[in-house]
Amino acid sequence: MARILVADDDIDIRELVEFKLATLGHEITVVADGAAAVEACQAWRPDLAVLDVMMPGVSGLEAIRAIRADPALAGLPVILLTARAQESDVETGFDSGADDYITKPFSPRELASRVEALLARST
């Protein structure tokens, strides 16, 4: 079982991701924006984070940069889950420090598979 942080401003997406990953036995914490995501990572020390890119206030890209800048969190695996699907968006996501990039709409099964694969590589 891993501890996973999910940050998305869309409650339906948060609940879907939380449900899918919880059914795999993971402990999930959900937040609605990037600032809360960074704070939760610092306080809770998850094993993996799933961040939306477009959130109010602090975006997912800004959040991942803050996570990467924190020596205690720099190695945290991060998946960006976003509607931004242009090649330049994907490139920006990886340049910001993402370990994986999934575009919406997404398959919950694919997300679960990618989460499991990333957790396996990071242990």
C-alpha atoms as a PDB file:
ATOM      1  CA  MET A   1       0.000   0.000   0.000  1.00  0.00           C
ATOM      2  CA  ALA A   2       1.280   3.431  -0.961  1.00  0.00           C
ATOM      3  CA  ARG A   3       0.315   6.885   0.197  1.00  0.00           C
ATOM      4  CA  ILE A   4      -0.886   8.908  -2.794  1.00  0.00           C
ATOM      5  CA  LEU A   5      -1.756  12.587  -3.019  1.00  0.00           C
ATOM      6  CA  VAL A   6      -4.340  13.611  -5.623  1.00  0.00           C
ATOM      7  CA  ALA A   7      -4.717  17.299  -6.523  1.00  0.00           C
ATOM      8  CA  ASP A   8      -7.442  18.385  -8.942  1.00  0.00           C
ATOM      9  CA  ASP A   9      -9.907  21.282  -8.833  1.00  0.00           C
ATOM     10  CA  ASP A  10     -12.654  19.096 -10.363  1.00  0.00           C
ATOM     11  CA  ILE A  11     -14.379  17.185  -7.572  1.00  0.00           C
ATOM     12  CA  ASP A  12     -15.606  14.479  -9.970  1.00  0.00           C
ATOM     13  CA  ILE A  13     -12.053  13.768 -11.148  1.00  0.00           C
ATOM     14  CA  ARG A  14     -10.765  13.771  -7.561  1.00  0.00           C
ATOM     15  CA  GLU A  15     -13.428  11.298  -6.483  1.00  0.00           C
ATOM     16  CA  LEU A  16     -12.874   9.039  -9.509  1.00  0.00           C
ATOM     17  CA  VAL A  17      -9.104   8.922  -9.012  1.00  0.00           C
ATOM     18  CA  GLU A  18      -9.474   8.492  -5.250  1.00  0.00           C
ATOM     19  CA  PHE A  19     -11.943   5.611  -5.704  1.00  0.00           C
ATOM     20  CA  LYS A  20      -9.848   3.811  -8.331  1.00  0.00           C
ATOM     21  CA  LEU A  21      -6.588   4.051  -6.398  1.00  0.00           C
ATOM     22  CA  ALA A  22      -8.241   3.211  -3.066  1.00  0.00           C
ATOM     23  CA  THR A  23      -9.626   0.000  -4.583  1.00  0.00           C
ATOM     24  CA  LEU A  24      -6.013  -1.005  -5.199  1.00  0.00           C
ATOM     25  CA  GLY A  25      -5.366  -0.654  -1.478  1.00  0.00           C
ATOM     26  CA  HIS A  26      -3.637   2.725  -1.476  1.00  0.00           C
ATOM     27  CA  GLU A  27      -4.148   5.444   1.129  1.00  0.00           C
ATOM     28  CA  ILE A  28      -5.355   8.567  -0.676  1.00  0.00           C
ATOM     29  CA  THR A  29      -5.375  12.221   0.330  1.00  0.00           C
ATOM     30  CA  VAL A  30      -7.170  14.676  -1.963  1.00  0.00           C
ATOM     31  CA  VAL A  31      -6.771  18.439  -2.305  1.00  0.00           C
ATOM     32  CA  ALA A  32      -8.262  20.997  -4.692  1.00  0.00           C
ATOM     33  CA  ASP A  33      -5.330  23.214  -5.662  1.00  0.00           C
ATOM     34  CA  GLY A  34      -1.593  23.384  -6.147  1.00  0.00           C
ATOM     35  CA  ALA A  35      -0.784  25.267  -2.950  1.00  0.00           C
ATOM     36  CA  ALA A  36      -2.611  22.645  -0.892  1.00  0.00           C
ATOM     37  CA  ALA A  37      -0.777  19.937  -2.858  1.00  0.00           C
ATOM     38  CA  VAL A  38       2.636  21.328  -1.927  1.00  0.00           C
ATOM     39  CA  GLU A  39       1.590  21.750   1.717  1.00  0.00           C
ATOM     40  CA  ALA A  40       0.204  18.202   1.840  1.00  0.00           C
ATOM     41  CA  CYS A  41       3.389  16.793   0.317  1.00  0.00           C
ATOM     42  CA  GLN A  42       5.489  18.566   2.931  1.00  0.00           C
ATOM     43  CA  ALA A  43       3.274  17.495   5.835  1.00  0.00           C
ATOM     44  CA  TRP A  44       2.149  14.012   4.758  1.00  0.00           C
ATOM     45  CA  ARG A  45       5.137  12.769   2.697  1.00  0.00           C
ATOM     46  CA  PRO A  46       3.231  10.714   0.110  1.00  0.00           C
ATOM     47  CA  ASP A  47       4.851   7.987  -1.980  1.00  0.00           C
ATOM     48  CA  LEU A  48       3.428   9.476  -5.200  1.00  0.00           C
ATOM     49  CA  ALA A  49       1.471  12.556  -6.303  1.00  0.00           C
ATOM     50  CA  VAL A  50      -1.089  12.934  -9.099  1.00  0.00           C
ATOM     51  CA  LEU A  51      -1.479  16.605 -10.042  1.00  0.00           C
ATOM     52  CA  ASP A  52      -3.805  18.413 -12.412  1.00  0.00           C
ATOM     53  CA  VAL A  53      -2.036  21.156 -14.359  1.00  0.00           C
ATOM     54  CA  MET A  54      -4.796  23.772 -14.542  1.00  0.00           C
ATOM     55  CA  MET A  55      -5.854  24.586 -10.974  1.00  0.00           C
ATOM     56  CA  PRO A  56      -6.749  27.939  -9.422  1.00  0.00           C
ATOM     57  CA  GLY A  57      -3.979  29.844  -7.677  1.00  0.00           C
ATOM     58  CA  VAL A  58      -0.898  27.630  -7.838  1.00  0.00           C
ATOM     59  CA  SER A  59      -0.976  25.488 -10.980  1.00  0.00           C
ATOM     60  CA  GLY A  60       0.181  21.893 -11.101  1.00  0.00           C
ATOM     61  CA  LEU A  61       3.301  23.009 -12.947  1.00  0.00           C
ATOM     62  CA  GLU A  62       4.140  25.521 -10.224  1.00  0.00           C
ATOM     63  CA  ALA A  63       3.416  22.874  -7.589  1.00  0.00           C
ATOM     64  CA  ILE A  64       5.730  20.339  -9.194  1.00  0.00           C
ATOM     65  CA  ARG A  65       8.501  22.947  -9.414  1.00  0.00           C
ATOM     66  CA  ALA A  66       8.069  23.666  -5.680  1.00  0.00           C
ATOM     67  CA  ILE A  67       8.136  19.939  -4.931  1.00  0.00           C
ATOM     68  CA  ARG A  68      11.309  19.446  -6.970  1.00  0.00           C
ATOM     69  CA  ALA A  69      12.944  22.451  -5.239  1.00  0.00           C
ATOM     70  CA  ASP A  70      12.381  20.917  -1.777  1.00  0.00           C
ATOM     71  CA  PRO A  71      15.280  18.529  -1.043  1.00  0.00           C
ATOM     72  CA  ALA A  72      13.018  16.342   1.111  1.00  0.00           C
ATOM     73  CA  LEU A  73      10.533  15.929  -1.767  1.00  0.00           C
ATOM     74  CA  ALA A  74      12.786  16.145  -4.830  1.00  0.00           C
ATOM     75  CA  GLY A  75      12.542  12.407  -5.518  1.00  0.00           C
ATOM     76  CA  LEU A  76       8.760  12.191  -5.140  1.00  0.00           C
ATOM     77  CA  PRO A  77       7.229  10.502  -8.219  1.00  0.00           C
ATOM     78  CA  VAL A  78       4.690  12.855  -9.841  1.00  0.00           C
ATOM     79  CA  ILE A  79       2.099  12.135 -12.520  1.00  0.00           C
ATOM     80  CA  LEU A  80       0.478  15.086 -14.269  1.00  0.00           C
ATOM     81  CA  LEU A  81      -3.168  14.383 -15.131  1.00  0.00           C
ATOM     82  CA  THR A  82      -4.472  17.133 -17.389  1.00  0.00           C
ATOM     83  CA  ALA A  83      -6.637  18.216 -20.291  1.00  0.00           C
ATOM     84  CA  ARG A  84      -3.626  19.972 -21.824  1.00  0.00           C
ATOM     85  CA  ALA A  85      -2.719  17.599 -24.644  1.00  0.00           C
ATOM     86  CA  GLN A  86      -0.615  19.647 -27.070  1.00  0.00           C
ATOM     87  CA  GLU A  87       2.919  18.409 -27.671  1.00  0.00           C
ATOM     88  CA  SER A  88       4.296  21.623 -26.156  1.00  0.00           C
ATOM     89  CA  ASP A  89       2.166  21.074 -23.021  1.00  0.00           C
ATOM     90  CA  VAL A  90       3.533  17.555 -22.591  1.00  0.00           C
ATOM     91  CA  GLU A  91       7.072  18.836 -23.092  1.00  0.00           C
ATOM     92  CA  THR A  92       6.525  21.589 -20.518  1.00  0.00           C
ATOM     93  CA  GLY A  93       5.157  19.031 -18.074  1.00  0.00           C
ATOM     94  CA  PHE A  94       8.211  16.807 -18.360  1.00  0.00           C
ATOM     95  CA  ASP A  95      10.532  19.827 -18.277  1.00  0.00           C
ATOM     96  CA  SER A  96       8.877  20.859 -15.009  1.00  0.00           C
ATOM     97  CA  GLY A  97       9.818  17.528 -13.459  1.00  0.00           C
ATOM     98  CA  ALA A  98       6.902  15.179 -14.133  1.00  0.00           C
ATOM     99  CA  ASP A  99       7.628  11.459 -14.165  1.00  0.00           C
ATOM    100  CA  ASP A 100       4.557  10.714 -16.280  1.00  0.00           C
ATOM    101  CA  TYR A 101       1.892  12.691 -18.172  1.00  0.00           C
ATOM    102  CA  ILE A 102      -1.686  11.513 -18.717  1.00  0.00           C
ATOM    103  CA  THR A 103      -4.235  13.489 -20.720  1.00  0.00           C
ATOM    104  CA  LYS A 104      -7.952  13.827 -19.953  1.00  0.00           C
ATOM    105  CA  PRO A 105     -10.215  12.181 -20.740  1.00  0.00           C
ATOM    106  CA  PHE A 106      -8.339   9.240 -19.296  1.00  0.00           C
ATOM    107  CA  SER A 107      -8.917   5.594 -18.552  1.00  0.00           C
ATOM    108  CA  PRO A 108      -8.980   4.904 -14.802  1.00  0.00           C
ATOM    109  CA  ARG A 109      -7.421   1.503 -15.559  1.00  0.00           C
ATOM    110  CA  GLU A 110      -4.550   3.134 -17.446  1.00  0.00           C
ATOM    111  CA  LEU A 111      -4.022   5.594 -14.598  1.00  0.00           C
ATOM    112  CA  ALA A 112      -3.937   2.710 -12.115  1.00  0.00           C
ATOM    113  CA  SER A 113      -1.425   0.833 -14.281  1.00  0.00           C
ATOM    114  CA  ARG A 114       0.827   3.857 -14.587  1.00  0.00           C
ATOM    115  CA  VAL A 115       0.632   4.533 -10.841  1.00  0.00           C
ATOM    116  CA  GLU A 116       1.588   0.925 -10.083  1.00  0.00           C
ATOM    117  CA  ALA A 117       4.454   0.992 -12.601  1.00  0.00           C
ATOM    118  CA  LEU A 118       5.836   4.260 -11.243  1.00  0.00           C
ATOM    119  CA  LEU A 119       5.583   3.035  -7.652  1.00  0.00           C
ATOM    120  CA  ALA A 120       7.406  -0.168  -8.610  1.00  0.00           C
ATOM    121  CA  ARG A 121      10.230   1.807 -10.247  1.00  0.00           C
ATOM    122  CA  SER A 122      10.577   4.200  -7.308  1.00  0.00           C
ATOM    123  CA  THR A 123      11.024   1.595  -4.573  1.00  0.00           C
END
